Amino acid sequence: MSLRKLSVLALSFAAFAFMGCSTAKCKIEDRPPVEIKGNEKTMTEAKDLTSKVRVYKPDGSLQCGQGAKIDLDTMKKDLQGIQVFKADNKHDGLMRVQMCGHPTGTCNVYEILAADLDKAQKLGFKKWNKD
């Protein structure tokens, strides 16, 4: 293929690529919203876009079975009036001395609204940044 034909082909492709979106709305935000009429079902459910964070407190368990572990529901009551979306008991991932009576590193982790973070911190919870 000659250099002239190759340059014409390259210019044609470039012009097509640049002009492709000039005649139609290519960006999603430029398109009109889809209207659902009647009893049509959507493929996906509406997503909850509110910002959530996780907070935690150690569950009180100690190595060698010492100490009383506080279960998720009991500690959840400490979050007085804060809506909890999810609760898990997780290890904080830190290394510890293996010695009877020392903390195990397991924590009760709760997912709450980001707007309630300050309130939870005043109640003794810390923000969970582990995973």
N, C-alpha and C. Protein backbone atom coordinates (compact mmCIF):
# COMPACT_ATOMS: atom_id res chain seq x y z
N MET A 1 0.85 -1.17 0.00
CA MET A 1 0.00 0.00 0.00
C MET A 1 0.90 1.24 0.00
N SER A 2 0.56 2.19 -0.83
CA SER A 2 1.40 3.37 -0.94
C SER A 2 1.20 4.29 0.26
N LEU A 3 2.16 5.15 0.45
CA LEU A 3 2.12 6.10 1.57
C LEU A 3 0.93 7.04 1.43
N ARG A 4 0.61 7.41 0.20
CA ARG A 4 -0.52 8.32 -0.04
C ARG A 4 -1.84 7.65 0.37
N LYS A 5 -2.05 6.41 -0.04
CA LYS A 5 -3.28 5.70 0.32
C LYS A 5 -3.37 5.49 1.82
N LEU A 6 -2.24 5.20 2.43
CA LEU A 6 -2.20 4.98 3.87
C LEU A 6 -2.55 6.26 4.63
N SER A 7 -2.03 7.40 4.18
CA SER A 7 -2.33 8.67 4.86
C SER A 7 -3.79 9.06 4.66
N VAL A 8 -4.36 8.82 3.47
CA VAL A 8 -5.78 9.10 3.23
C VAL A 8 -6.64 8.21 4.12
N LEU A 9 -6.27 6.97 4.25
CA LEU A 9 -7.02 6.05 5.10
C LEU A 9 -6.95 6.48 6.57
N ALA A 10 -5.78 6.89 7.02
CA ALA A 10 -5.61 7.34 8.41
C ALA A 10 -6.41 8.60 8.67
N LEU A 11 -6.38 9.56 7.74
CA LEU A 11 -7.15 10.79 7.90
C LEU A 11 -8.65 10.51 7.89
N SER A 12 -9.09 9.60 7.05
CA SER A 12 -10.51 9.23 7.01
C SER A 12 -10.95 8.62 8.33
N PHE A 13 -10.13 7.75 8.85
CA PHE A 13 -10.45 7.12 10.13
C PHE A 13 -10.51 8.15 11.25
N ALA A 14 -9.53 9.08 11.27
CA ALA A 14 -9.50 10.11 12.31
C ALA A 14 -10.72 11.01 12.21
N ALA A 15 -11.11 11.40 11.00
CA ALA A 15 -12.29 12.25 10.82
C ALA A 15 -13.54 11.52 11.29
N PHE A 16 -13.65 10.26 10.96
CA PHE A 16 -14.81 9.47 11.39
C PHE A 16 -14.86 9.36 12.91
N ALA A 17 -13.71 9.14 13.53
CA ALA A 17 -13.65 8.99 14.99
C ALA A 17 -14.04 10.28 15.69
N PHE A 18 -13.57 11.42 15.17
CA PHE A 18 -13.87 12.70 15.83
C PHE A 18 -15.30 13.16 15.57
N MET A 19 -15.86 12.80 14.44
CA MET A 19 -17.20 13.27 14.09
C MET A 19 -18.28 12.29 14.52
N GLY A 20 -17.90 11.14 15.00
CA GLY A 20 -18.88 10.12 15.36
C GLY A 20 -19.88 10.56 16.40
N CYS A 21 -19.45 11.31 17.40
CA CYS A 21 -20.35 11.75 18.46
C CYS A 21 -20.96 13.11 18.19
N SER A 22 -20.64 13.74 17.07
CA SER A 22 -21.19 15.07 16.81
C SER A 22 -22.64 15.01 16.36
N THR A 23 -23.08 13.87 15.84
CA THR A 23 -24.45 13.78 15.35
C THR A 23 -25.39 13.08 16.31
N ALA A 24 -24.88 12.44 17.35
CA ALA A 24 -25.72 11.72 18.32
C ALA A 24 -25.23 12.02 19.73
N LYS A 25 -26.09 11.78 20.69
CA LYS A 25 -25.73 11.99 22.09
C LYS A 25 -24.98 10.76 22.58
N CYS A 26 -23.66 10.88 22.66
CA CYS A 26 -22.83 9.74 23.02
C CYS A 26 -22.63 9.61 24.52
N LYS A 27 -22.62 10.72 25.22
CA LYS A 27 -22.39 10.67 26.65
C LYS A 27 -23.68 10.29 27.37
N ILE A 28 -23.55 9.43 28.35
CA ILE A 28 -24.72 8.97 29.09
C ILE A 28 -25.44 10.13 29.75
N GLU A 29 -24.69 11.09 30.29
CA GLU A 29 -25.33 12.19 31.00
C GLU A 29 -26.09 13.12 30.06
N ASP A 30 -25.81 13.06 28.74
CA ASP A 30 -26.52 13.89 27.77
C ASP A 30 -27.83 13.25 27.30
N ARG A 31 -28.00 11.99 27.56
CA ARG A 31 -29.19 11.28 27.10
C ARG A 31 -30.37 11.57 28.02
N PRO A 32 -31.57 11.61 27.48
CA PRO A 32 -32.74 11.83 28.34
C PRO A 32 -32.97 10.61 29.23
N PRO A 33 -33.54 10.82 30.44
CA PRO A 33 -33.79 9.68 31.32
C PRO A 33 -34.81 8.72 30.73
N VAL A 34 -34.65 7.45 31.04
CA VAL A 34 -35.56 6.43 30.56
C VAL A 34 -36.83 6.47 31.40
N GLU A 35 -37.96 6.54 30.75
CA GLU A 35 -39.23 6.58 31.47
C GLU A 35 -39.84 5.18 31.48
N ILE A 36 -40.30 4.77 32.66
CA ILE A 36 -40.95 3.47 32.79
C ILE A 36 -42.45 3.71 32.81
N LYS A 37 -43.15 3.07 31.89
CA LYS A 37 -44.60 3.27 31.78
C LYS A 37 -45.31 2.00 32.21
N GLY A 38 -46.37 2.16 32.96
CA GLY A 38 -47.19 1.02 33.36
C GLY A 38 -46.48 0.11 34.33
N ASN A 39 -46.66 -1.19 34.13
CA ASN A 39 -46.11 -2.19 35.04
C ASN A 39 -44.83 -2.82 34.52
N GLU A 40 -44.07 -2.08 33.74
CA GLU A 40 -42.82 -2.62 33.22
C GLU A 40 -41.85 -2.87 34.36
N LYS A 41 -41.11 -3.93 34.26
CA LYS A 41 -40.13 -4.26 35.29
C LYS A 41 -38.74 -3.87 34.80
N THR A 42 -37.93 -3.39 35.71
CA THR A 42 -36.57 -3.01 35.35
C THR A 42 -35.63 -4.18 35.59
N MET A 43 -34.49 -4.14 34.96
CA MET A 43 -33.51 -5.22 35.11
C MET A 43 -32.78 -5.13 36.44
N THR A 44 -32.65 -3.92 36.97
CA THR A 44 -31.93 -3.75 38.23
C THR A 44 -32.80 -2.99 39.21
N GLU A 45 -32.55 -3.21 40.47
CA GLU A 45 -33.26 -2.47 41.50
C GLU A 45 -32.54 -1.16 41.74
N ALA A 46 -33.26 -0.21 42.31
CA ALA A 46 -32.65 1.08 42.64
C ALA A 46 -31.55 0.86 43.68
N LYS A 47 -30.44 1.52 43.50
CA LYS A 47 -29.32 1.36 44.42
C LYS A 47 -29.37 2.45 45.49
N ASP A 48 -28.98 2.08 46.68
CA ASP A 48 -28.90 3.03 47.78
C ASP A 48 -27.56 3.75 47.67
N LEU A 49 -27.60 5.04 47.36
CA LEU A 49 -26.37 5.79 47.14
C LEU A 49 -25.93 6.60 48.35
N THR A 50 -26.58 6.38 49.50
CA THR A 50 -26.16 7.11 50.69
C THR A 50 -24.81 6.58 51.14
N SER A 51 -23.99 7.46 51.60
CA SER A 51 -22.64 7.10 52.01
C SER A 51 -22.67 6.39 53.36
N LYS A 52 -22.00 5.25 53.42
CA LYS A 52 -21.96 4.46 54.66
C LYS A 52 -20.51 4.24 55.07
N VAL A 53 -20.31 4.08 56.36
CA VAL A 53 -18.99 3.77 56.92
C VAL A 53 -19.15 2.64 57.92
N ARG A 54 -18.03 2.04 58.28
CA ARG A 54 -18.06 0.99 59.30
C ARG A 54 -17.34 1.48 60.54
N VAL A 55 -17.91 1.15 61.68
CA VAL A 55 -17.31 1.49 62.97
C VAL A 55 -17.16 0.20 63.77
N TYR A 56 -16.28 0.23 64.78
CA TYR A 56 -16.03 -0.99 65.54
C TYR A 56 -15.67 -0.70 66.98
N LYS A 57 -15.77 -1.75 67.77
CA LYS A 57 -15.25 -1.81 69.13
C LYS A 57 -14.75 -3.22 69.34
N PRO A 58 -13.68 -3.41 70.11
CA PRO A 58 -13.24 -4.77 70.44
C PRO A 58 -14.37 -5.53 71.14
N ASP A 59 -14.48 -6.83 70.85
CA ASP A 59 -15.59 -7.60 71.41
C ASP A 59 -15.34 -8.09 72.84
N GLY A 60 -14.20 -7.76 73.42
CA GLY A 60 -13.93 -8.12 74.81
C GLY A 60 -13.33 -9.49 75.01
N SER A 61 -13.19 -10.26 73.95
CA SER A 61 -12.64 -11.61 74.10
C SER A 61 -11.13 -11.54 74.37
N LEU A 62 -10.67 -12.43 75.24
CA LEU A 62 -9.25 -12.50 75.59
C LEU A 62 -8.72 -13.89 75.26
N GLN A 63 -7.43 -13.99 75.04
CA GLN A 63 -6.82 -15.27 74.70
C GLN A 63 -6.98 -16.28 75.84
N CYS A 64 -6.95 -17.54 75.49
CA CYS A 64 -7.10 -18.68 76.41
C CYS A 64 -8.51 -18.73 77.00
N GLY A 65 -9.47 -18.16 76.30
CA GLY A 65 -10.86 -18.22 76.76
C GLY A 65 -11.17 -17.32 77.93
N GLN A 66 -10.27 -16.45 78.27
CA GLN A 66 -10.52 -15.52 79.37
C GLN A 66 -11.28 -14.31 78.83
N GLY A 67 -12.02 -13.66 79.68
CA GLY A 67 -12.79 -12.49 79.26
C GLY A 67 -14.11 -12.91 78.65
N ALA A 68 -15.07 -12.03 78.74
CA ALA A 68 -16.41 -12.32 78.22
C ALA A 68 -16.59 -11.63 76.87
N LYS A 69 -16.87 -12.42 75.85
CA LYS A 69 -17.10 -11.87 74.52
C LYS A 69 -18.48 -11.21 74.50
N ILE A 70 -18.54 -9.98 73.98
CA ILE A 70 -19.81 -9.27 73.85
C ILE A 70 -20.35 -9.57 72.46
N ASP A 71 -21.55 -10.13 72.38
CA ASP A 71 -22.10 -10.50 71.07
C ASP A 71 -22.57 -9.25 70.31
N LEU A 72 -22.80 -9.42 69.02
CA LEU A 72 -23.13 -8.31 68.13
C LEU A 72 -24.39 -7.56 68.56
N ASP A 73 -25.44 -8.29 68.91
CA ASP A 73 -26.70 -7.65 69.28
C ASP A 73 -26.59 -6.85 70.57
N THR A 74 -25.83 -7.35 71.52
CA THR A 74 -25.66 -6.63 72.79
C THR A 74 -24.91 -5.32 72.57
N MET A 75 -23.82 -5.37 71.82
CA MET A 75 -23.04 -4.15 71.58
C MET A 75 -23.79 -3.18 70.67
N LYS A 76 -24.63 -3.71 69.80
CA LYS A 76 -25.41 -2.86 68.90
C LYS A 76 -26.28 -1.88 69.69
N LYS A 77 -26.70 -2.29 70.88
CA LYS A 77 -27.52 -1.42 71.73
C LYS A 77 -26.74 -0.18 72.16
N ASP A 78 -25.41 -0.24 72.16
CA ASP A 78 -24.58 0.92 72.50
C ASP A 78 -24.68 2.02 71.44
N LEU A 79 -25.11 1.66 70.24
CA LEU A 79 -25.25 2.63 69.16
C LEU A 79 -26.61 3.34 69.24
N GLN A 80 -27.01 3.71 70.38
CA GLN A 80 -28.28 4.36 70.71
C GLN A 80 -28.89 5.17 69.57
N GLY A 81 -29.87 4.62 68.90
CA GLY A 81 -30.61 5.35 67.88
C GLY A 81 -29.92 5.49 66.53
N ILE A 82 -28.77 4.89 66.35
CA ILE A 82 -28.08 4.93 65.06
C ILE A 82 -28.50 3.69 64.27
N GLN A 83 -28.95 3.91 63.04
CA GLN A 83 -29.39 2.79 62.21
C GLN A 83 -28.19 1.95 61.76
N VAL A 84 -28.27 0.65 62.00
CA VAL A 84 -27.20 -0.28 61.62
C VAL A 84 -27.67 -1.09 60.42
N PHE A 85 -26.89 -1.08 59.35
CA PHE A 85 -27.25 -1.78 58.12
C PHE A 85 -26.66 -3.19 58.07
N LYS A 86 -25.52 -3.37 58.71
CA LYS A 86 -24.84 -4.66 58.66
C LYS A 86 -23.96 -4.79 59.90
N ALA A 87 -23.84 -6.00 60.42
CA ALA A 87 -23.00 -6.24 61.59
C ALA A 87 -22.18 -7.51 61.36
N ASP A 88 -20.89 -7.44 61.69
CA ASP A 88 -19.98 -8.58 61.54
C ASP A 88 -19.01 -8.62 62.71
N ASN A 89 -18.50 -9.81 63.00
CA ASN A 89 -17.43 -9.96 63.97
C ASN A 89 -16.19 -10.29 63.16
N LYS A 90 -15.20 -9.39 63.18
CA LYS A 90 -14.01 -9.55 62.34
C LYS A 90 -12.74 -9.37 63.17
N HIS A 91 -11.68 -9.97 62.68
CA HIS A 91 -10.36 -9.77 63.30
C HIS A 91 -9.75 -8.52 62.70
N ASP A 92 -9.05 -7.75 63.51
CA ASP A 92 -8.49 -6.49 63.02
C ASP A 92 -7.22 -6.67 62.18
N GLY A 93 -6.72 -7.89 62.09
CA GLY A 93 -5.57 -8.17 61.23
C GLY A 93 -4.22 -7.83 61.82
N LEU A 94 -4.19 -7.35 63.04
CA LEU A 94 -2.91 -7.00 63.67
C LEU A 94 -2.32 -8.19 64.40
N MET A 95 -1.00 -8.23 64.50
CA MET A 95 -0.33 -9.30 65.23
C MET A 95 -0.36 -8.97 66.72
N ARG A 96 -0.43 -10.00 67.53
CA ARG A 96 -0.49 -9.82 68.98
C ARG A 96 0.42 -10.82 69.68
N VAL A 97 0.81 -10.48 70.88
CA VAL A 97 1.55 -11.40 71.74
C VAL A 97 0.62 -12.55 72.06
N GLN A 98 1.11 -13.77 71.97
CA GLN A 98 0.29 -14.93 72.32
C GLN A 98 0.49 -15.21 73.80
N MET A 99 -0.44 -14.65 74.58
CA MET A 99 -0.34 -14.78 76.03
C MET A 99 -1.74 -14.74 76.61
N CYS A 100 -2.00 -15.66 77.50
CA CYS A 100 -3.32 -15.72 78.12
C CYS A 100 -3.67 -14.37 78.76
N GLY A 101 -4.91 -13.97 78.55
CA GLY A 101 -5.40 -12.72 79.13
C GLY A 101 -5.23 -11.50 78.25
N HIS A 102 -4.52 -11.64 77.13
CA HIS A 102 -4.36 -10.51 76.21
C HIS A 102 -5.49 -10.53 75.18
N PRO A 103 -5.85 -9.38 74.61
CA PRO A 103 -6.95 -9.32 73.63
C PRO A 103 -6.69 -10.20 72.41
N THR A 104 -7.77 -10.72 71.84
CA THR A 104 -7.68 -11.58 70.65
C THR A 104 -7.61 -10.77 69.36
N GLY A 105 -8.09 -9.54 69.39
CA GLY A 105 -8.11 -8.71 68.18
C GLY A 105 -9.40 -8.81 67.40
N THR A 106 -10.36 -9.57 67.90
CA THR A 106 -11.65 -9.63 67.20
C THR A 106 -12.52 -8.47 67.65
N CYS A 107 -13.22 -7.91 66.68
CA CYS A 107 -14.01 -6.71 66.92
C CYS A 107 -15.41 -6.88 66.36
N ASN A 108 -16.35 -6.19 66.96
CA ASN A 108 -17.70 -6.10 66.42
C ASN A 108 -17.74 -4.89 65.50
N VAL A 109 -18.05 -5.13 64.23
CA VAL A 109 -18.01 -4.09 63.20
C VAL A 109 -19.43 -3.83 62.71
N TYR A 110 -19.81 -2.56 62.66
CA TYR A 110 -21.17 -2.17 62.27
C TYR A 110 -21.11 -1.17 61.12
N GLU A 111 -21.99 -1.37 60.13
CA GLU A 111 -22.09 -0.43 59.01
C GLU A 111 -23.20 0.56 59.31
N ILE A 112 -22.85 1.86 59.30
CA ILE A 112 -23.81 2.92 59.62
C ILE A 112 -23.70 4.02 58.57
N LEU A 113 -24.60 4.99 58.62
CA LEU A 113 -24.52 6.14 57.72
C LEU A 113 -23.32 7.00 58.10
N ALA A 114 -22.65 7.54 57.09
CA ALA A 114 -21.50 8.41 57.35
C ALA A 114 -21.89 9.62 58.18
N ALA A 115 -23.13 10.07 58.05
CA ALA A 115 -23.60 11.22 58.82
C ALA A 115 -23.62 10.93 60.32
N ASP A 116 -23.70 9.64 60.70
CA ASP A 116 -23.75 9.26 62.11
C ASP A 116 -22.38 8.92 62.69
N LEU A 117 -21.32 9.09 61.92
CA LEU A 117 -19.98 8.71 62.38
C LEU A 117 -19.57 9.46 63.64
N ASP A 118 -19.76 10.77 63.67
CA ASP A 118 -19.36 11.54 64.86
C ASP A 118 -20.11 11.08 66.10
N LYS A 119 -21.38 10.81 65.93
CA LYS A 119 -22.20 10.34 67.06
C LYS A 119 -21.67 9.00 67.58
N ALA A 120 -21.33 8.10 66.67
CA ALA A 120 -20.81 6.78 67.07
C ALA A 120 -19.45 6.92 67.75
N GLN A 121 -18.62 7.83 67.27
CA GLN A 121 -17.31 8.02 67.88
C GLN A 121 -17.44 8.58 69.29
N LYS A 122 -18.43 9.41 69.52
CA LYS A 122 -18.67 9.93 70.87
C LYS A 122 -19.13 8.82 71.81
N LEU A 123 -19.68 7.75 71.24
CA LEU A 123 -20.13 6.60 72.04
C LEU A 123 -19.00 5.57 72.22
N GLY A 124 -17.80 5.89 71.77
CA GLY A 124 -16.65 5.01 71.98
C GLY A 124 -16.28 4.12 70.82
N PHE A 125 -16.95 4.23 69.69
CA PHE A 125 -16.63 3.43 68.51
C PHE A 125 -15.57 4.14 67.69
N LYS A 126 -14.82 3.36 66.92
CA LYS A 126 -13.79 3.91 66.04
C LYS A 126 -14.12 3.55 64.61
N LYS A 127 -13.62 4.35 63.66
CA LYS A 127 -13.86 4.06 62.24
C LYS A 127 -13.03 2.86 61.82
N TRP A 128 -13.66 1.91 61.13
CA TRP A 128 -13.01 0.69 60.65
C TRP A 128 -12.39 0.97 59.29
N ASN A 129 -11.07 0.88 59.19
CA ASN A 129 -10.36 1.13 57.93
C ASN A 129 -9.59 -0.09 57.46
N LYS A 130 -9.95 -1.25 57.95
CA LYS A 130 -9.13 -2.44 57.72
C LYS A 130 -9.31 -3.06 56.34
N ASP A 131 -10.52 -3.10 55.80
CA ASP A 131 -10.72 -3.73 54.49
C ASP A 131 -11.71 -2.98 53.66
